[in-house]
C-alpha atoms as a PDB file:
ATOM      1  CA  MET A   1      96.423  99.887 130.644  1.00  0.00           C
ATOM      2  CA  GLN A   2      95.085  99.408 127.449  1.00  0.00           C
ATOM      3  CA  GLU A   3      94.217  96.747 125.325  1.00  0.00           C
ATOM      4  CA  GLN A   4      97.103  95.950 123.511  1.00  0.00           C
ATOM      5  CA  HIS A   5      96.764  93.961 120.027  1.00  0.00           C
ATOM      6  CA  LEU A   6      99.288  91.745 118.055  1.00  0.00           C
ATOM      7  CA  TYR A   7      99.416  93.438 114.202  1.00  0.00           C
ATOM      8  CA  ASP A   8     102.057  92.442 111.587  1.00  0.00           C
ATOM      9  CA  TYR A   9     103.783  95.560 109.329  1.00  0.00           C
ATOM     10  CA  ALA A  10     105.443  95.704 105.671  1.00  0.00           C
ATOM     11  CA  VAL A  11     107.761  97.578 104.108  1.00  0.00           C
ATOM     12  CA  ILE A  12     106.818  98.440 100.245  1.00  0.00           C
ATOM     13  CA  ARG A  13     109.320  99.386  97.604  1.00  0.00           C
ATOM     14  CA  VAL A  14     110.388  99.992  94.526  1.00  0.00           C
ATOM     15  CA  VAL A  15     113.205  98.298  93.407  1.00  0.00           C
ATOM     16  CA  PRO A  16     113.260 100.185  89.639  1.00  0.00           C
ATOM     17  CA  ARG A  17     116.074  98.399  88.420  1.00  0.00           C
ATOM     18  CA  VAL A  18     115.908  94.774  89.632  1.00  0.00           C
ATOM     19  CA  GLU A  19     119.034  93.567  88.964  1.00  0.00           C
ATOM     20  CA  ARG A  20     120.060  96.023  90.984  1.00  0.00           C
ATOM     21  CA  GLU A  21     118.450  95.187  93.614  1.00  0.00           C
ATOM     22  CA  GLU A  22     118.009  98.714  95.153  1.00  0.00           C
ATOM     23  CA  PHE A  23     114.819  99.609  96.753  1.00  0.00           C
ATOM     24  CA  ILE A  24     113.081 102.608  97.445  1.00  0.00           C
ATOM     25  CA  ASN A  25     111.077 103.036 100.873  1.00  0.00           C
ATOM     26  CA  VAL A  26     107.345 104.467  99.383  1.00  0.00           C
ATOM     27  CA  GLY A  27     104.638 102.802 101.101  1.00  0.00           C
ATOM     28  CA  LEU A  28     103.528 100.483 104.673  1.00  0.00           C
ATOM     29  CA  MET A  29     100.994  98.374 104.530  1.00  0.00           C
ATOM     30  CA  LEU A  30      99.971  96.990 108.211  1.00  0.00           C
ATOM     31  CA  TYR A  31      97.528  94.288 109.432  1.00  0.00           C
ATOM     32  CA  CYS A  32      96.642  93.541 112.367  1.00  0.00           C
ATOM     33  CA  LYS A  33      93.523  89.787 112.459  1.00  0.00           C
ATOM     34  CA  ARG A  34      91.858  90.607 116.546  1.00  0.00           C
ATOM     35  CA  GLN A  35      91.101  94.767 114.647  1.00  0.00           C
ATOM     36  CA  LYS A  36      89.880  92.981 110.983  1.00  0.00           C
ATOM     37  CA  TYR A  37      92.659  96.100 111.140  1.00  0.00           C
ATOM     38  CA  LEU A  38      94.687  96.032 107.347  1.00  0.00           C
ATOM     39  CA  ARG A  39      95.629  99.673 106.444  1.00  0.00           C
ATOM     40  CA  ILE A  40      98.323 101.184 103.703  1.00  0.00           C
ATOM     41  CA  GLN A  41      98.984 104.107 102.637  1.00  0.00           C
ATOM     42  CA  TYR A  42     101.851 104.927  99.402  1.00  0.00           C
ATOM     43  CA  GLN A  43     103.826 108.029  98.044  1.00  0.00           C
ATOM     44  CA  ILE A  44     105.912 108.574  95.278  1.00  0.00           C
ATOM     45  CA  PRO A  45     108.704 110.261  95.301  1.00  0.00           C
ATOM     46  CA  GLU A  46     109.501 110.660  91.773  1.00  0.00           C
ATOM     47  CA  ALA A  47     112.471 112.543  91.476  1.00  0.00           C
ATOM     48  CA  LYS A  48     114.189 110.202  93.843  1.00  0.00           C
ATOM     49  CA  ILE A  49     113.167 107.122  92.081  1.00  0.00           C
ATOM     50  CA  SER A  50     114.059 109.154  88.771  1.00  0.00           C
ATOM     51  CA  CYS A  51     117.250 109.066  90.148  1.00  0.00           C
ATOM     52  CA  PHE A  52     117.634 106.085  90.923  1.00  0.00           C
ATOM     53  CA  CYS A  53     116.509 105.398  87.108  1.00  0.00           C
ATOM     54  CA  SER A  54     115.698 107.541  84.740  1.00  0.00           C
ATOM     55  CA  GLU A  55     113.286 105.744  82.249  1.00  0.00           C
ATOM     56  CA  PHE A  56     111.463 104.105  84.885  1.00  0.00           C
ATOM     57  CA  ASP A  57     107.510 104.460  83.811  1.00  0.00           C
ATOM     58  CA  LEU A  58     106.272 105.579  86.654  1.00  0.00           C
ATOM     59  CA  ALA A  59     102.470 106.158  85.135  1.00  0.00           C
ATOM     60  CA  GLN A  60     102.578 103.064  85.177  1.00  0.00           C
ATOM     61  CA  LEU A  61     104.077 102.632  88.830  1.00  0.00           C
ATOM     62  CA  LYS A  62     101.797 104.013  90.538  1.00  0.00           C
ATOM     63  CA  ILE A  63      98.832 102.498  88.772  1.00  0.00           C
ATOM     64  CA  ASN A  64     100.213  99.321  90.635  1.00  0.00           C
ATOM     65  CA  LEU A  65     100.553 100.842  93.145  1.00  0.00           C
ATOM     66  CA  GLU A  66      96.651 101.147  92.845  1.00  0.00           C
ATOM     67  CA  SER A  67      95.493  98.162  92.120  1.00  0.00           C
ATOM     68  CA  PHE A  68      98.392  96.987  95.295  1.00  0.00           C
ATOM     69  CA  VAL A  69      94.887  99.399  97.677  1.00  0.00           C
ATOM     70  CA  ALA A  70      92.573  97.995  95.551  1.00  0.00           C
ATOM     71  CA  ILE A  71      93.466  94.675  96.762  1.00  0.00           C
ATOM     72  CA  CYS A  72      94.391  95.377  99.682  1.00  0.00           C
ATOM     73  CA  GLU A  73      90.740  97.355 100.438  1.00  0.00           C
ATOM     74  CA  GLY A  74      89.097  94.692  99.298  1.00  0.00           C
ATOM     75  CA  LYS A  75      87.412  96.019  96.364  1.00  0.00           C
ATOM     76  CA  LYS A  76      84.936  94.645  94.393  1.00  0.00           C
ATOM     77  CA  ASN A  77      86.993  95.963  90.861  1.00  0.00           C
ATOM     78  CA  ALA A  78      89.930  94.479  91.660  1.00  0.00           C
ATOM     79  CA  GLY A  79      90.265  90.789  91.660  1.00  0.00           C
ATOM     80  CA  PRO A  80      89.292  87.645  92.802  1.00  0.00           C
ATOM     81  CA  ILE A  81      92.541  88.848  95.568  1.00  0.00           C
ATOM     82  CA  ALA A  82      90.918  90.882  96.326  1.00  0.00           C
ATOM     83  CA  GLN A  83      87.981  89.185  97.681  1.00  0.00           C
ATOM     84  CA  PHE A  84      90.117  86.964 100.332  1.00  0.00           C
ATOM     85  CA  GLU A  85      89.892  87.782 104.230  1.00  0.00           C
ATOM     86  CA  LYS A  86      92.213  90.676 104.952  1.00  0.00           C
ATOM     87  CA  ASP A  87      94.805  88.092 106.872  1.00  0.00           C
ATOM     88  CA  GLU A  88      94.750  86.630 103.108  1.00  0.00           C
ATOM     89  CA  ARG A  89      95.352  89.344 101.287  1.00  0.00           C
ATOM     90  CA  PHE A  90      97.382  90.852 103.677  1.00  0.00           C
ATOM     91  CA  ARG A  91      99.782  86.921 102.707  1.00  0.00           C
ATOM     92  CA  TRP A  92      99.137  87.654  99.540  1.00  0.00           C
ATOM     93  CA  LEU A  93     101.164  91.181  99.060  1.00  0.00           C
ATOM     94  CA  THR A  94     104.022  90.231 100.899  1.00  0.00           C
ATOM     95  CA  ALA A  95     104.758  87.551  99.201  1.00  0.00           C
ATOM     96  CA  ILE A  96     107.643  87.714  97.524  1.00  0.00           C
ATOM     97  CA  LYS A  97     108.104  88.783  94.005  1.00  0.00           C
ATOM     98  CA  SER A  98     111.204  89.263  91.619  1.00  0.00           C
ATOM     99  CA  SER A  99     108.980  92.429  90.244  1.00  0.00           C
ATOM    100  CA  SER A 100     109.949  96.217  90.180  1.00  0.00           C
ATOM    101  CA  ILE A 101     106.844  96.361  93.606  1.00  0.00           C
ATOM    102  CA  GLN A 102     108.150  94.827  96.479  1.00  0.00           C
ATOM    103  CA  THR A 103     107.802  94.531 100.819  1.00  0.00           C
ATOM    104  CA  SER A 104     109.819  94.192 102.593  1.00  0.00           C
ATOM    105  CA  ARG A 105     109.469  90.540 104.531  1.00  0.00           C
ATOM    106  CA  PRO A 106     106.589  90.767 107.458  1.00  0.00           C
ATOM    107  CA  HIS A 107     107.763  92.270 110.915  1.00  0.00           C
ATOM    108  CA  SER A 108     105.605  91.428 113.983  1.00  0.00           C
ATOM    109  CA  GLY A 109     104.926  94.414 117.162  1.00  0.00           C
ATOM    110  CA  PHE A 110     102.338  95.126 119.727  1.00  0.00           C
ATOM    111  CA  SER A 111     100.375  98.233 120.004  1.00  0.00           C
ATOM    112  CA  SER A 112      96.983  99.798 121.869  1.00  0.00           C
ATOM    113  CA  ASP A 113      96.648 102.289 118.705  1.00  0.00           C
ATOM    114  CA  LEU A 114      96.945 100.868 114.787  1.00  0.00           C
ATOM    115  CA  ASP A 115      95.860 103.900 113.310  1.00  0.00           C
ATOM    116  CA  LYS A 116      98.769 105.495 116.825  1.00  0.00           C
ATOM    117  CA  THR A 117     101.415 102.938 114.868  1.00  0.00           C
ATOM    118  CA  PHE A 118     100.519 103.011 111.443  1.00  0.00           C
ATOM    119  CA  GLU A 119     101.819 106.999 110.961  1.00  0.00           C
ATOM    120  CA  LYS A 120     104.767 106.400 113.553  1.00  0.00           C
ATOM    121  CA  LEU A 121     105.848 103.696 111.023  1.00  0.00           C
ATOM    122  CA  TYR A 122     104.887 105.591 108.684  1.00  0.00           C
ATOM    123  CA  SER A 123     106.893 108.478 109.236  1.00  0.00           C
ATOM    124  CA  GLU A 124     109.748 106.307 110.148  1.00  0.00           C
ATOM    125  CA  LEU A 125     110.003 104.193 107.211  1.00  0.00           C
ATOM    126  CA  VAL A 126     109.077 105.939 104.537  1.00  0.00           C
ATOM    127  CA  LEU A 127     108.370 109.393 104.671  1.00  0.00           C
END
């Protein structure tokens, strides 16, 4: 039996109109301390978002999601938060916010193949 690793994941959500509290799942982050694994991926369903709010700024959304990616990946040009350890970056990105980009509360699980688990969760929760 392959070794199982504890992981946490959070779904990235777009909230086109914060006052209505409706959201659309657009991405996923998965973190595993033991494997030093932190992965993020997103896709922007433009037509779906526009149905919720026709004046939503999709270009700004892409910029903001790319900053999530840069922080998650620890890019040097992404500011001081991106220089934190992986667990701190995951916790910072999943902190409760009242903005148009939010994340679910983190959920935990066990996996012997983190990439495969990421792909499965992404397919089920985002696509």
